[in-house]
Amino acid sequence: AAPGTDVYTTNTGNRYERSFGGTSAASPCVGGLAVLL
């Protein structure tokens, strides 16, 4: 599992989204970890 509730992230329109939720948010968190490793 990885964070997937209220993940604060970038959004279209040069905006930010404070409540990005779903397993959609979790997968790129793992992706970020992989490239950091």
Full PDB file with SEQRES, HELIX, SHEET, SSBOND, CRYST1, ORIGX, SCALE, CONECT and MASTER records, all heavy atoms in Angstrom:
SEQRES   1 A   37  ALA ALA PRO GLY THR ASP VAL TYR THR THR ASN THR GLY          
SEQRES   2 A   37  ASN ARG TYR GLU ARG SER PHE GLY GLY THR SER ALA ALA          
SEQRES   3 A   37  SER PRO CYS VAL GLY GLY LEU ALA VAL LEU LEU                  
HELIX    1 AA1 THR A   23  LEU A   36  1                                  14    
SHEET    1 AA1 2 VAL A   7  ASN A  11  0                                        
SHEET    2 AA1 2 ARG A  15  PHE A  20 -1                                        
CRYST1    1.000    1.000    1.000  90.00  90.00  90.00 P 1           1          
ORIGX1      1.000000  0.000000  0.000000        0.00000                         
ORIGX2      0.000000  1.000000  0.000000        0.00000                         
ORIGX3      0.000000  0.000000  1.000000        0.00000                         
SCALE1      1.000000  0.000000  0.000000        0.00000                         
SCALE2      0.000000  1.000000  0.000000        0.00000                         
SCALE3      0.000000  0.000000  1.000000        0.00000                         
ATOM      1  N   ALA A   1       0.838  -1.191   0.000  1.00  0.00           N  
ATOM      2  CA  ALA A   1       0.000   0.000   0.000  1.00  0.00           C  
ATOM      3  C   ALA A   1       0.876   1.245   0.000  1.00  0.00           C  
ATOM      4  O   ALA A   1       2.040   1.206   0.414  1.00  0.00           O  
ATOM      5  CB  ALA A   1      -0.925   0.003   1.218  1.00  0.00           C  
ATOM      6  N   ALA A   2       0.300   2.348  -0.444  1.00  0.00           N  
ATOM      7  CA  ALA A   2       0.976   3.638  -0.453  1.00  0.00           C  
ATOM      8  C   ALA A   2      -0.090   4.716  -0.276  1.00  0.00           C  
ATOM      9  O   ALA A   2      -1.284   4.463  -0.489  1.00  0.00           O  
ATOM     10  CB  ALA A   2       1.752   3.847  -1.754  1.00  0.00           C  
ATOM     11  N   PRO A   3       0.296   5.933   0.117  1.00  0.00           N  
ATOM     12  CA  PRO A   3      -0.691   6.973   0.383  1.00  0.00           C  
ATOM     13  C   PRO A   3      -1.662   7.196  -0.780  1.00  0.00           C  
ATOM     14  O   PRO A   3      -1.245   7.350  -1.932  1.00  0.00           O  
ATOM     15  CB  PRO A   3       0.178   8.210   0.628  1.00  0.00           C  
ATOM     16  CG  PRO A   3       1.412   7.643   1.243  1.00  0.00           C  
ATOM     17  CD  PRO A   3       1.658   6.368   0.488  1.00  0.00           C  
ATOM     18  N   GLY A   4      -2.958   7.222  -0.432  1.00  0.00           N  
ATOM     19  CA  GLY A   4      -3.976   7.406  -1.456  1.00  0.00           C  
ATOM     20  C   GLY A   4      -5.202   8.157  -0.973  1.00  0.00           C  
ATOM     21  O   GLY A   4      -6.252   8.087  -1.607  1.00  0.00           O  
ATOM     22  N   THR A   5      -5.083   8.848   0.148  1.00  0.00           N  
ATOM     23  CA  THR A   5      -6.162   9.679   0.665  1.00  0.00           C  
ATOM     24  C   THR A   5      -5.648  11.096   0.882  1.00  0.00           C  
ATOM     25  O   THR A   5      -4.656  11.302   1.583  1.00  0.00           O  
ATOM     26  CB  THR A   5      -6.706   9.122   1.996  1.00  0.00           C  
ATOM     27  OG1 THR A   5      -7.269   7.821   1.778  1.00  0.00           O  
ATOM     28  CG2 THR A   5      -7.780  10.039   2.571  1.00  0.00           C  
ATOM     29  N   ASP A   6      -6.300  12.057   0.264  1.00  0.00           N  
ATOM     30  CA  ASP A   6      -5.937  13.473   0.433  1.00  0.00           C  
ATOM     31  C   ASP A   6      -4.456  13.735   0.187  1.00  0.00           C  
ATOM     32  O   ASP A   6      -3.767  14.352   1.003  1.00  0.00           O  
ATOM     33  CB  ASP A   6      -6.318  13.948   1.837  1.00  0.00           C  
ATOM     34  CG  ASP A   6      -7.817  13.936   2.060  1.00  0.00           C  
ATOM     35  OD1 ASP A   6      -8.574  14.034   1.084  1.00  0.00           O  
ATOM     36  OD2 ASP A   6      -8.220  13.843   3.232  1.00  0.00           O  
ATOM     37  N   VAL A   7      -3.965  13.242  -0.930  1.00  0.00           N  
ATOM     38  CA  VAL A   7      -2.583  13.493  -1.324  1.00  0.00           C  
ATOM     39  C   VAL A   7      -2.526  14.849  -2.035  1.00  0.00           C  
ATOM     40  O   VAL A   7      -3.193  15.060  -3.045  1.00  0.00           O  
ATOM     41  CB  VAL A   7      -2.055  12.375  -2.240  1.00  0.00           C  
ATOM     42  CG1 VAL A   7      -0.666  12.710  -2.761  1.00  0.00           C  
ATOM     43  CG2 VAL A   7      -2.038  11.053  -1.482  1.00  0.00           C  
ATOM     44  N   TYR A   8      -1.754  15.752  -1.500  1.00  0.00           N  
ATOM     45  CA  TYR A   8      -1.628  17.107  -2.056  1.00  0.00           C  
ATOM     46  C   TYR A   8      -0.664  17.050  -3.242  1.00  0.00           C  
ATOM     47  O   TYR A   8       0.476  16.630  -3.104  1.00  0.00           O  
ATOM     48  CB  TYR A   8      -1.094  18.054  -0.979  1.00  0.00           C  
ATOM     49  CG  TYR A   8      -1.646  19.459  -1.030  1.00  0.00           C  
ATOM     50  CD1 TYR A   8      -2.123  20.084   0.101  1.00  0.00           C  
ATOM     51  CD2 TYR A   8      -1.689  20.172  -2.231  1.00  0.00           C  
ATOM     52  CE1 TYR A   8      -2.622  21.387   0.066  1.00  0.00           C  
ATOM     53  CE2 TYR A   8      -2.193  21.456  -2.279  1.00  0.00           C  
ATOM     54  CZ  TYR A   8      -2.652  22.061  -1.129  1.00  0.00           C  
ATOM     55  OH  TYR A   8      -3.140  23.339  -1.188  1.00  0.00           O  
ATOM     56  N   THR A   9      -1.108  17.492  -4.415  1.00  0.00           N  
ATOM     57  CA  THR A   9      -0.299  17.317  -5.611  1.00  0.00           C  
ATOM     58  C   THR A   9      -0.618  18.402  -6.639  1.00  0.00           C  
ATOM     59  O   THR A   9      -1.387  19.330  -6.386  1.00  0.00           O  
ATOM     60  CB  THR A   9      -0.543  15.908  -6.198  1.00  0.00           C  
ATOM     61  OG1 THR A   9       0.310  15.698  -7.329  1.00  0.00           O  
ATOM     62  CG2 THR A   9      -1.997  15.727  -6.625  1.00  0.00           C  
ATOM     63  N   THR A  10       0.004  18.309  -7.797  1.00  0.00           N  
ATOM     64  CA  THR A  10      -0.204  19.256  -8.887  1.00  0.00           C  
ATOM     65  C   THR A  10      -1.510  18.955  -9.621  1.00  0.00           C  
ATOM     66  O   THR A  10      -1.965  17.813  -9.674  1.00  0.00           O  
ATOM     67  CB  THR A  10       0.961  19.186  -9.888  1.00  0.00           C  
ATOM     68  OG1 THR A  10       1.182  17.799 -10.249  1.00  0.00           O  
ATOM     69  CG2 THR A  10       2.228  19.741  -9.279  1.00  0.00           C  
ATOM     70  N   ASN A  11      -2.086  20.003 -10.225  1.00  0.00           N  
ATOM     71  CA  ASN A  11      -3.312  19.831 -10.989  1.00  0.00           C  
ATOM     72  C   ASN A  11      -3.238  20.696 -12.241  1.00  0.00           C  
ATOM     73  O   ASN A  11      -2.394  21.595 -12.335  1.00  0.00           O  
ATOM     74  CB  ASN A  11      -4.533  20.217 -10.142  1.00  0.00           C  
ATOM     75  CG  ASN A  11      -5.821  19.593 -10.658  1.00  0.00           C  
ATOM     76  OD1 ASN A  11      -5.857  18.986 -11.726  1.00  0.00           O  
ATOM     77  ND2 ASN A  11      -6.895  19.750  -9.896  1.00  0.00           N  
ATOM     78  N   THR A  12      -4.111  20.430 -13.186  1.00  0.00           N  
ATOM     79  CA  THR A  12      -4.143  21.218 -14.416  1.00  0.00           C  
ATOM     80  C   THR A  12      -4.573  22.656 -14.120  1.00  0.00           C  
ATOM     81  O   THR A  12      -5.122  22.959 -13.068  1.00  0.00           O  
ATOM     82  CB  THR A  12      -5.101  20.582 -15.427  1.00  0.00           C  
ATOM     83  OG1 THR A  12      -6.361  20.335 -14.789  1.00  0.00           O  
ATOM     84  CG2 THR A  12      -4.543  19.278 -15.968  1.00  0.00           C  
ATOM     85  N   GLY A  13      -4.309  23.537 -15.076  1.00  0.00           N  
ATOM     86  CA  GLY A  13      -4.611  24.937 -14.892  1.00  0.00           C  
ATOM     87  C   GLY A  13      -3.632  25.625 -13.962  1.00  0.00           C  
ATOM     88  O   GLY A  13      -3.973  26.627 -13.323  1.00  0.00           O  
ATOM     89  N   ASN A  14      -2.419  25.085 -13.874  1.00  0.00           N  
ATOM     90  CA  ASN A  14      -1.394  25.618 -12.964  1.00  0.00           C  
ATOM     91  C   ASN A  14      -1.867  25.639 -11.510  1.00  0.00           C  
ATOM     92  O   ASN A  14      -1.442  26.464 -10.713  1.00  0.00           O  
ATOM     93  CB  ASN A  14      -0.950  27.030 -13.375  1.00  0.00           C  
ATOM     94  CG  ASN A  14      -0.147  27.023 -14.650  1.00  0.00           C  
ATOM     95  OD1 ASN A  14       0.403  25.994 -15.042  1.00  0.00           O  
ATOM     96  ND2 ASN A  14      -0.071  28.162 -15.315  1.00  0.00           N  
ATOM     97  N   ARG A  15      -2.755  24.699 -11.187  1.00  0.00           N  
ATOM     98  CA  ARG A  15      -3.332  24.657  -9.846  1.00  0.00           C  
ATOM     99  C   ARG A  15      -2.718  23.522  -9.037  1.00  0.00           C  
ATOM    100  O   ARG A  15      -1.860  22.772  -9.504  1.00  0.00           O  
ATOM    101  CB  ARG A  15      -4.844  24.459  -9.934  1.00  0.00           C  
ATOM    102  CG  ARG A  15      -5.598  25.567 -10.676  1.00  0.00           C  
ATOM    103  CD  ARG A  15      -7.049  25.148 -10.873  1.00  0.00           C  
ATOM    104  NE  ARG A  15      -7.148  23.929 -11.682  1.00  0.00           N  
ATOM    105  CZ  ARG A  15      -8.201  23.113 -11.700  1.00  0.00           C  
ATOM    106  NH1 ARG A  15      -9.249  23.374 -10.935  1.00  0.00           N  
ATOM    107  NH2 ARG A  15      -8.220  22.045 -12.466  1.00  0.00           N  
ATOM    108  N   TYR A  16      -3.228  23.397  -7.800  1.00  0.00           N  
ATOM    109  CA  TYR A  16      -2.859  22.291  -6.927  1.00  0.00           C  
ATOM    110  C   TYR A  16      -4.130  21.642  -6.408  1.00  0.00           C  
ATOM    111  O   TYR A  16      -5.171  22.296  -6.270  1.00  0.00           O  
ATOM    112  CB  TYR A  16      -2.003  22.782  -5.744  1.00  0.00           C  
ATOM    113  CG  TYR A  16      -0.663  23.314  -6.183  1.00  0.00           C  
ATOM    114  CD1 TYR A  16      -0.494  24.667  -6.449  1.00  0.00           C  
ATOM    115  CD2 TYR A  16       0.420  22.460  -6.354  1.00  0.00           C  
ATOM    116  CE1 TYR A  16       0.727  25.163  -6.874  1.00  0.00           C  
ATOM    117  CE2 TYR A  16       1.650  22.953  -6.777  1.00  0.00           C  
ATOM    118  CZ  TYR A  16       1.792  24.294  -7.041  1.00  0.00           C  
ATOM    119  OH  TYR A  16       3.008  24.769  -7.467  1.00  0.00           O  
ATOM    120  N   GLU A  17      -4.046  20.366  -6.133  1.00  0.00           N  
ATOM    121  CA  GLU A  17      -5.176  19.610  -5.609  1.00  0.00           C  
ATOM    122  C   GLU A  17      -4.819  19.075  -4.236  1.00  0.00           C  
ATOM    123  O   GLU A  17      -3.828  18.356  -4.076  1.00  0.00           O  
ATOM    124  CB  GLU A  17      -5.513  18.456  -6.561  1.00  0.00           C  
ATOM    125  CG  GLU A  17      -6.575  17.512  -6.050  1.00  0.00           C  
ATOM    126  CD  GLU A  17      -7.885  18.216  -5.766  1.00  0.00           C  
ATOM    127  OE1 GLU A  17      -8.402  18.917  -6.663  1.00  0.00           O  
ATOM    128  OE2 GLU A  17      -8.387  18.063  -4.632  1.00  0.00           O  
ATOM    129  N   ARG A  18      -5.635  19.414  -3.228  1.00  0.00           N  
ATOM    130  CA  ARG A  18      -5.320  18.998  -1.862  1.00  0.00           C  
ATOM    131  C   ARG A  18      -5.946  17.651  -1.490  1.00  0.00           C  
ATOM    132  O   ARG A  18      -5.620  17.092  -0.451  1.00  0.00           O  
ATOM    133  CB  ARG A  18      -5.778  20.058  -0.861  1.00  0.00           C  
ATOM    134  CG  ARG A  18      -7.261  20.232  -0.734  1.00  0.00           C  
ATOM    135  CD  ARG A  18      -7.654  21.107   0.463  1.00  0.00           C  
ATOM    136  NE  ARG A  18      -7.109  22.437   0.380  1.00  0.00           N  
ATOM    137  CZ  ARG A  18      -6.279  22.936   1.292  1.00  0.00           C  
ATOM    138  NH1 ARG A  18      -5.905  22.198   2.319  1.00  0.00           N  
ATOM    139  NH2 ARG A  18      -5.844  24.170   1.185  1.00  0.00           N  
ATOM    140  N   SER A  19      -6.834  17.141  -2.302  1.00  0.00           N  
ATOM    141  CA  SER A  19      -7.567  15.940  -1.906  1.00  0.00           C  
ATOM    142  C   SER A  19      -7.547  14.862  -2.983  1.00  0.00           C  
ATOM    143  O   SER A  19      -8.546  14.190  -3.218  1.00  0.00           O  
ATOM    144  CB  SER A  19      -9.015  16.303  -1.538  1.00  0.00           C  
ATOM    145  OG  SER A  19      -9.654  16.936  -2.624  1.00  0.00           O  
ATOM    146  N   PHE A  20      -6.408  14.716  -3.657  1.00  0.00           N  
ATOM    147  CA  PHE A  20      -6.281  13.651  -4.643  1.00  0.00           C  
ATOM    148  C   PHE A  20      -6.331  12.311  -3.917  1.00  0.00           C  
ATOM    149  O   PHE A  20      -5.494  12.015  -3.068  1.00  0.00           O  
ATOM    150  CB  PHE A  20      -4.964  13.799  -5.394  1.00  0.00           C  
ATOM    151  CG  PHE A  20      -4.738  12.781  -6.489  1.00  0.00           C  
ATOM    152  CD1 PHE A  20      -5.785  12.314  -7.266  1.00  0.00           C  
ATOM    153  CD2 PHE A  20      -3.457  12.291  -6.754  1.00  0.00           C  
ATOM    154  CE1 PHE A  20      -5.583  11.399  -8.286  1.00  0.00           C  
ATOM    155  CE2 PHE A  20      -3.238  11.374  -7.768  1.00  0.00           C  
ATOM    156  CZ  PHE A  20      -4.296  10.919  -8.530  1.00  0.00           C  
ATOM    157  N   GLY A  21      -7.333  11.513  -4.235  1.00  0.00           N  
ATOM    158  CA  GLY A  21      -7.503  10.237  -3.566  1.00  0.00           C  
ATOM    159  C   GLY A  21      -7.659   9.102  -4.559  1.00  0.00           C  
ATOM    160  O   GLY A  21      -7.968   9.311  -5.725  1.00  0.00           O  
ATOM    161  N   GLY A  22      -7.488   7.896  -4.068  1.00  0.00           N  
ATOM    162  CA  GLY A  22      -7.606   6.712  -4.903  1.00  0.00           C  
ATOM    163  C   GLY A  22      -6.296   5.960  -4.986  1.00  0.00           C  
ATOM    164  O   GLY A  22      -5.230   6.482  -4.657  1.00  0.00           O  
ATOM    165  N   THR A  23      -6.388   4.734  -5.444  1.00  0.00           N  
ATOM    166  CA  THR A  23      -5.154   3.982  -5.668  1.00  0.00           C  
ATOM    167  C   THR A  23      -4.348   4.608  -6.800  1.00  0.00           C  
ATOM    168  O   THR A  23      -3.168   4.305  -6.963  1.00  0.00           O  
ATOM    169  CB  THR A  23      -5.457   2.504  -5.963  1.00  0.00           C  
ATOM    170  OG1 THR A  23      -6.373   2.410  -7.053  1.00  0.00           O  
ATOM    171  CG2 THR A  23      -6.068   1.820  -4.744  1.00  0.00           C  
ATOM    172  N   SER A  24      -4.981   5.501  -7.561  1.00  0.00           N  
ATOM    173  CA  SER A  24      -4.254   6.264  -8.583  1.00  0.00           C  
ATOM    174  C   SER A  24      -3.153   7.108  -7.955  1.00  0.00           C  
ATOM    175  O   SER A  24      -2.100   7.322  -8.553  1.00  0.00           O  
ATOM    176  CB  SER A  24      -5.209   7.172  -9.358  1.00  0.00           C  
ATOM    177  OG  SER A  24      -5.989   6.429 -10.253  1.00  0.00           O  
ATOM    178  N   ALA A  25      -3.404   7.632  -6.752  1.00  0.00           N  
ATOM    179  CA  ALA A  25      -2.383   8.422  -6.065  1.00  0.00           C  
ATOM    180  C   ALA A  25      -1.290   7.531  -5.493  1.00  0.00           C  
ATOM    181  O   ALA A  25      -0.132   7.935  -5.373  1.00  0.00           O  
ATOM    182  CB  ALA A  25      -3.028   9.251  -4.953  1.00  0.00           C  
ATOM    183  N   ALA A  26      -1.648   6.317  -5.131  1.00  0.00           N  
ATOM    184  CA  ALA A  26      -0.696   5.409  -4.484  1.00  0.00           C  
ATOM    185  C   ALA A  26       0.381   4.916  -5.438  1.00  0.00           C  
ATOM    186  O   ALA A  26       1.564   4.857  -5.092  1.00  0.00           O  
ATOM    187  CB  ALA A  26      -1.460   4.225  -3.882  1.00  0.00           C  
ATOM    188  N   SER A  27      -0.011   4.559  -6.655  1.00  0.00           N  
ATOM    189  CA  SER A  27       0.959   4.009  -7.604  1.00  0.00           C  
ATOM    190  C   SER A  27       2.112   4.955  -7.903  1.00  0.00           C  
ATOM    191  O   SER A  27       3.284   4.547  -7.850  1.00  0.00           O  
ATOM    192  CB  SER A  27       0.240   3.612  -8.901  1.00  0.00           C  
ATOM    193  OG  SER A  27       1.152   3.117  -9.862  1.00  0.00           O  
ATOM    194  N   PRO A  28       1.863   6.250  -8.220  1.00  0.00           N  
ATOM    195  CA  PRO A  28       3.004   7.138  -8.478  1.00  0.00           C  
ATOM    196  C   PRO A  28       3.867   7.390  -7.244  1.00  0.00           C  
ATOM    197  O   PRO A  28       5.040   7.748  -7.377  1.00  0.00           O  
ATOM    198  CB  PRO A  28       2.347   8.424  -8.990  1.00  0.00           C  
ATOM    199  CG  PRO A  28       0.944   8.363  -8.536  1.00  0.00           C  
ATOM    200  CD  PRO A  28       0.583   6.913  -8.516  1.00  0.00           C  
ATOM    201  N   CYS A  29       3.312   7.218  -6.048  1.00  0.00           N  
ATOM    202  CA  CYS A  29       4.163   7.311  -4.852  1.00  0.00           C  
ATOM    203  C   CYS A  29       5.220   6.216  -4.878  1.00  0.00           C  
ATOM    204  O   CYS A  29       6.387   6.444  -4.539  1.00  0.00           O  
ATOM    205  CB  CYS A  29       3.317   7.208  -3.588  1.00  0.00           C  
ATOM    206  SG  CYS A  29       2.352   8.682  -3.201  1.00  0.00           S  
ATOM    207  N   VAL A  30       4.827   5.025  -5.305  1.00  0.00           N  
ATOM    208  CA  VAL A  30       5.786   3.930  -5.445  1.00  0.00           C  
ATOM    209  C   VAL A  30       6.764   4.235  -6.570  1.00  0.00           C  
ATOM    210  O   VAL A  30       7.958   3.940  -6.478  1.00  0.00           O  
ATOM    211  CB  VAL A  30       5.056   2.594  -5.685  1.00  0.00           C  
ATOM    212  CG1 VAL A  30       6.049   1.444  -5.799  1.00  0.00           C  
ATOM    213  CG2 VAL A  30       4.057   2.318  -4.567  1.00  0.00           C  
ATOM    214  N   GLY A  31       6.267   4.855  -7.644  1.00  0.00           N  
ATOM    215  CA  GLY A  31       7.147   5.253  -8.737  1.00  0.00           C  
ATOM    216  C   GLY A  31       8.196   6.243  -8.298  1.00  0.00           C  
ATOM    217  O   GLY A  31       9.370   6.152  -8.686  1.00  0.00           O  
ATOM    218  N   GLY A  32       7.787   7.220  -7.483  1.00  0.00           N  
ATOM    219  CA  GLY A  32       8.749   8.186  -6.958  1.00  0.00           C  
ATOM    220  C   GLY A  32       9.804   7.516  -6.100  1.00  0.00           C  
ATOM    221  O   GLY A  32      10.988   7.863  -6.166  1.00  0.00           O  
ATOM    222  N   LEU A  33       9.382   6.543  -5.289  1.00  0.00           N  
ATOM    223  CA  LEU A  33      10.338   5.793  -4.473  1.00  0.00           C  
ATOM    224  C   LEU A  33      11.320   5.031  -5.354  1.00  0.00           C  
ATOM    225  O   LEU A  33      12.529   5.010  -5.078  1.00  0.00           O  
ATOM    226  CB  LEU A  33       9.582   4.838  -3.555  1.00  0.00           C  
ATOM    227  CG  LEU A  33      10.414   3.797  -2.807  1.00  0.00           C  
ATOM    228  CD1 LEU A  33      11.542   4.424  -2.013  1.00  0.00           C  
ATOM    229  CD2 LEU A  33       9.511   2.956  -1.914  1.00  0.00           C  
ATOM    230  N   ALA A  34      10.833   4.407  -6.411  1.00  0.00           N  
ATOM    231  CA  ALA A  34      11.704   3.616  -7.279  1.00  0.00           C  
ATOM    232  C   ALA A  34      12.809   4.460  -7.906  1.00  0.00           C  
ATOM    233  O   ALA A  34      13.981   4.068  -7.916  1.00  0.00           O  
ATOM    234  CB  ALA A  34      10.878   2.922  -8.365  1.00  0.00           C  
ATOM    235  N   VAL A  35      12.451   5.641  -8.436  1.00  0.00           N  
ATOM    236  CA  VAL A  35      13.484   6.470  -9.073  1.00  0.00           C  
ATOM    237  C   VAL A  35      14.420   7.088  -8.038  1.00  0.00           C  
ATOM    238  O   VAL A  35      15.595   7.339  -8.329  1.00  0.00           O  
ATOM    239  CB  VAL A  35      12.861   7.556  -9.975  1.00  0.00           C  
ATOM    240  CG1 VAL A  35      12.196   6.918 -11.188  1.00  0.00           C  
ATOM    241  CG2 VAL A  35      11.876   8.434  -9.225  1.00  0.00           C  
ATOM    242  N   LEU A  36      13.923   7.309  -6.830  1.00  0.00           N  
ATOM    243  CA  LEU A  36      14.809   7.811  -5.780  1.00  0.00           C  
ATOM    244  C   LEU A  36      15.821   6.745  -5.383  1.00  0.00           C  
ATOM    245  O   LEU A  36      16.996   7.036  -5.151  1.00  0.00           O  
ATOM    246  CB  LEU A  36      13.979   8.249  -4.572  1.00  0.00           C  
ATOM    247  CG  LEU A  36      14.697   9.112  -3.537  1.00  0.00           C  
ATOM    248  CD1 LEU A  36      15.136  10.442  -4.137  1.00  0.00           C  
ATOM    249  CD2 LEU A  36      13.799   9.354  -2.332  1.00  0.00           C  
ATOM    250  N   LEU A  37      15.372   5.496  -5.323  1.00  0.00           N  
ATOM    251  CA  LEU A  37      16.287   4.394  -5.028  1.00  0.00           C  
ATOM    252  C   LEU A  37      17.346   4.249  -6.114  1.00  0.00           C  
ATOM    253  O   LEU A  37      18.532   4.080  -5.830  1.00  0.00           O  
ATOM    254  CB  LEU A  37      15.505   3.085  -4.889  1.00  0.00           C  
ATOM    255  CG  LEU A  37      14.892   2.790  -3.526  1.00  0.00           C  
ATOM    256  CD1 LEU A  37      13.920   1.616  -3.622  1.00  0.00           C  
ATOM    257  CD2 LEU A  37      15.983   2.483  -2.511  1.00  0.00           C  
TER     258      LEU A  37                                                      
MASTER        0    0    0    1    2    0    0    6  257    1    0    3          
END                                                                             
